[in-house]
C-alpha atoms as a PDB file:
ATOM      1  CA  UNK A   1     -41.487  31.906 -21.160  1.00  0.00           C
ATOM      2  CA  UNK A   2     -41.927  29.648 -18.159  1.00  0.00           C
ATOM      3  CA  UNK A   3     -41.442  26.598 -20.351  1.00  0.00           C
ATOM      4  CA  UNK A   4     -38.186  27.952 -21.757  1.00  0.00           C
ATOM      5  CA  UNK A   5     -36.932  28.847 -18.276  1.00  0.00           C
ATOM      6  CA  UNK A   6     -37.755  25.362 -16.999  1.00  0.00           C
ATOM      7  CA  UNK A   7     -35.910  23.790 -19.964  1.00  0.00           C
ATOM      8  CA  UNK A   8     -32.898  26.018 -19.317  1.00  0.00           C
ATOM      9  CA  UNK A   9     -32.913  25.094 -15.620  1.00  0.00           C
ATOM     10  CA  UNK A  10     -33.190  21.416 -16.556  1.00  0.00           C
ATOM     11  CA  UNK A  11     -30.224  21.754 -18.925  1.00  0.00           C
ATOM     12  CA  UNK A  12     -28.219  23.521 -16.205  1.00  0.00           C
ATOM     13  CA  UNK A  13     -28.922  20.748 -13.710  1.00  0.00           C
ATOM     14  CA  UNK A  14     -28.113  18.141 -16.378  1.00  0.00           C
ATOM     15  CA  UNK A  15     -24.801  19.858 -17.141  1.00  0.00           C
ATOM     16  CA  UNK A  16     -24.007  20.098 -13.397  1.00  0.00           C
ATOM     17  CA  UNK A  17     -24.766  16.397 -12.916  1.00  0.00           C
ATOM     18  CA  UNK A  18     -22.670  15.490 -15.945  1.00  0.00           C
ATOM     19  CA  UNK A  19     -19.659  17.465 -14.715  1.00  0.00           C
ATOM     20  CA  UNK A  20     -19.952  15.851 -11.267  1.00  0.00           C
ATOM     21  CA  UNK A  21     -20.116  12.415 -12.881  1.00  0.00           C
ATOM     22  CA  UNK A  22     -17.083  13.105 -15.053  1.00  0.00           C
ATOM     23  CA  UNK A  23     -15.217  14.414 -12.010  1.00  0.00           C
ATOM     24  CA  UNK A  24     -16.016  11.270 -10.020  1.00  0.00           C
ATOM     25  CA  UNK A  25     -15.323   8.847 -12.876  1.00  0.00           C
ATOM     26  CA  UNK A  26     -11.493   8.827 -12.557  1.00  0.00           C
ATOM     27  CA  UNK A  27     -11.828   8.308  -8.805  1.00  0.00           C
ATOM     28  CA  UNK A  28     -14.157   5.346  -9.317  1.00  0.00           C
ATOM     29  CA  UNK A  29     -11.842   3.843 -11.945  1.00  0.00           C
ATOM     30  CA  UNK A  30      -8.812   4.276  -9.671  1.00  0.00           C
ATOM     31  CA  UNK A  31     -10.715   2.762  -6.736  1.00  0.00           C
ATOM     32  CA  UNK A  32     -11.642  -0.261  -8.821  1.00  0.00           C
ATOM     33  CA  UNK A  33      -8.067  -0.661 -10.025  1.00  0.00           C
ATOM     34  CA  UNK A  34      -6.643  -0.394  -6.507  1.00  0.00           C
ATOM     35  CA  UNK A  35      -9.241  -2.846  -5.175  1.00  0.00           C
ATOM     36  CA  UNK A  36      -8.241  -5.314  -7.892  1.00  0.00           C
ATOM     37  CA  UNK A  37      -4.546  -4.912  -7.022  1.00  0.00           C
ATOM     38  CA  UNK A  38      -5.320  -5.349  -3.308  1.00  0.00           C
ATOM     39  CA  UNK A  39      -7.276  -8.499  -4.111  1.00  0.00           C
ATOM     40  CA  UNK A  40      -4.358  -9.894  -6.092  1.00  0.00           C
ATOM     41  CA  UNK A  41      -1.934  -9.135  -3.273  1.00  0.00           C
ATOM     42  CA  UNK A  42      -4.212 -10.900  -0.784  1.00  0.00           C
ATOM     43  CA  UNK A  43      -4.048 -14.025  -2.948  1.00  0.00           C
ATOM     44  CA  UNK A  44      -0.271 -14.306  -2.426  1.00  0.00           C
ATOM     45  CA  UNK A  45       0.326 -16.892   0.298  1.00  0.00           C
ATOM     46  CA  UNK A  46       2.459 -15.968   3.287  1.00  0.00           C
ATOM     47  CA  UNK A  47       5.707 -18.001   3.395  1.00  0.00           C
ATOM     48  CA  UNK A  48       6.103 -20.423   6.280  1.00  0.00           C
ATOM     49  CA  UNK A  49       9.290 -18.828   7.602  1.00  0.00           C
ATOM     50  CA  UNK A  50       7.454 -15.533   8.095  1.00  0.00           C
ATOM     51  CA  UNK A  51       4.595 -17.056  10.071  1.00  0.00           C
ATOM     52  CA  UNK A  52       6.907 -19.061  12.324  1.00  0.00           C
ATOM     53  CA  UNK A  53       9.500 -16.301  12.594  1.00  0.00           C
ATOM     54  CA  UNK A  54      13.246 -16.336  12.104  1.00  0.00           C
ATOM     55  CA  UNK A  55      13.798 -17.739  15.584  1.00  0.00           C
ATOM     56  CA  UNK A  56      12.961 -21.246  14.356  1.00  0.00           C
ATOM     57  CA  UNK A  57      15.549 -20.902  11.589  1.00  0.00           C
ATOM     58  CA  UNK A  58      18.254 -19.445  13.839  1.00  0.00           C
ATOM     59  CA  UNK A  59      17.643 -21.967  16.617  1.00  0.00           C
ATOM     60  CA  UNK A  60      18.959 -24.699  14.307  1.00  0.00           C
ATOM     61  CA  UNK A  61      22.371 -23.009  13.992  1.00  0.00           C
ATOM     62  CA  UNK A  62      25.330 -24.552  15.850  1.00  0.00           C
ATOM     63  CA  UNK A  63      26.332 -22.808  19.101  1.00  0.00           C
ATOM     64  CA  UNK A  64      29.654 -21.576  17.706  1.00  0.00           C
ATOM     65  CA  UNK A  65      27.897 -19.820  14.836  1.00  0.00           C
ATOM     66  CA  UNK A  66      25.398 -18.248  17.235  1.00  0.00           C
ATOM     67  CA  UNK A  67      28.289 -17.003  19.412  1.00  0.00           C
ATOM     68  CA  UNK A  68      30.056 -15.548  16.357  1.00  0.00           C
ATOM     69  CA  UNK A  69      26.856 -13.810  15.222  1.00  0.00           C
ATOM     70  CA  UNK A  70      26.406 -12.338  18.695  1.00  0.00           C
ATOM     71  CA  UNK A  71      29.997 -11.107  18.929  1.00  0.00           C
ATOM     72  CA  UNK A  72      30.003  -9.474  15.489  1.00  0.00           C
ATOM     73  CA  UNK A  73      26.747  -7.593  16.113  1.00  0.00           C
ATOM     74  CA  UNK A  74      24.707  -9.158  13.325  1.00  0.00           C
ATOM     75  CA  UNK A  75      21.375  -8.846  15.242  1.00  0.00           C
ATOM     76  CA  UNK A  76      21.948  -5.121  15.782  1.00  0.00           C
ATOM     77  CA  UNK A  77      23.002  -4.649  12.161  1.00  0.00           C
ATOM     78  CA  UNK A  78      19.850  -6.378  10.944  1.00  0.00           C
ATOM     79  CA  UNK A  79      17.750  -4.193  13.260  1.00  0.00           C
ATOM     80  CA  UNK A  80      19.374  -1.015  11.902  1.00  0.00           C
ATOM     81  CA  UNK A  81      18.906  -2.245   8.325  1.00  0.00           C
ATOM     82  CA  UNK A  82      15.245  -3.057   8.994  1.00  0.00           C
ATOM     83  CA  UNK A  83      14.681   0.392  10.486  1.00  0.00           C
ATOM     84  CA  UNK A  84      16.247   2.007   7.430  1.00  0.00           C
ATOM     85  CA  UNK A  85      14.114   0.016   5.010  1.00  0.00           C
ATOM     86  CA  UNK A  86      10.995   0.801   7.052  1.00  0.00           C
ATOM     87  CA  UNK A  87      11.826   4.522   7.080  1.00  0.00           C
ATOM     88  CA  UNK A  88      12.355   4.522   3.334  1.00  0.00           C
ATOM     89  CA  UNK A  89       9.079   2.722   2.650  1.00  0.00           C
ATOM     90  CA  UNK A  90       7.190   5.082   4.955  1.00  0.00           C
ATOM     91  CA  UNK A  91       8.739   8.070   3.188  1.00  0.00           C
ATOM     92  CA  UNK A  92       7.605   6.631  -0.142  1.00  0.00           C
ATOM     93  CA  UNK A  93       4.058   6.151   1.140  1.00  0.00           C
ATOM     94  CA  UNK A  94       3.817   9.592   2.736  1.00  0.00           C
ATOM     95  CA  UNK A  95       5.048  11.330  -0.421  1.00  0.00           C
ATOM     96  CA  UNK A  96       2.753   9.211  -2.620  1.00  0.00           C
ATOM     97  CA  UNK A  97       5.678   7.392  -4.258  1.00  0.00           C
ATOM     98  CA  UNK A  98       7.210  10.600  -5.621  1.00  0.00           C
ATOM     99  CA  UNK A  99      10.732  10.035  -4.202  1.00  0.00           C
END
């Protein structure tokens, strides 16, 4: 009887280990997939205008255009637009891309 009980206990532990493995398998696959996507994104080079900033682009504008942009509120409008896009992206991340 002891031999049968030990075989039954071994089968129980084997079944428990198998269910834990099958429960962890989708997580491991998803982690590998997300790591591969992150690696691909890191391979994309950063454009030069982002590293130097928009100030270098705008500084080449003529003074009359800079005055017109200041008077019409374009910098404020771009700031409001950027805040809206940031809020939307954060909402997407926090809701796990459900919205």
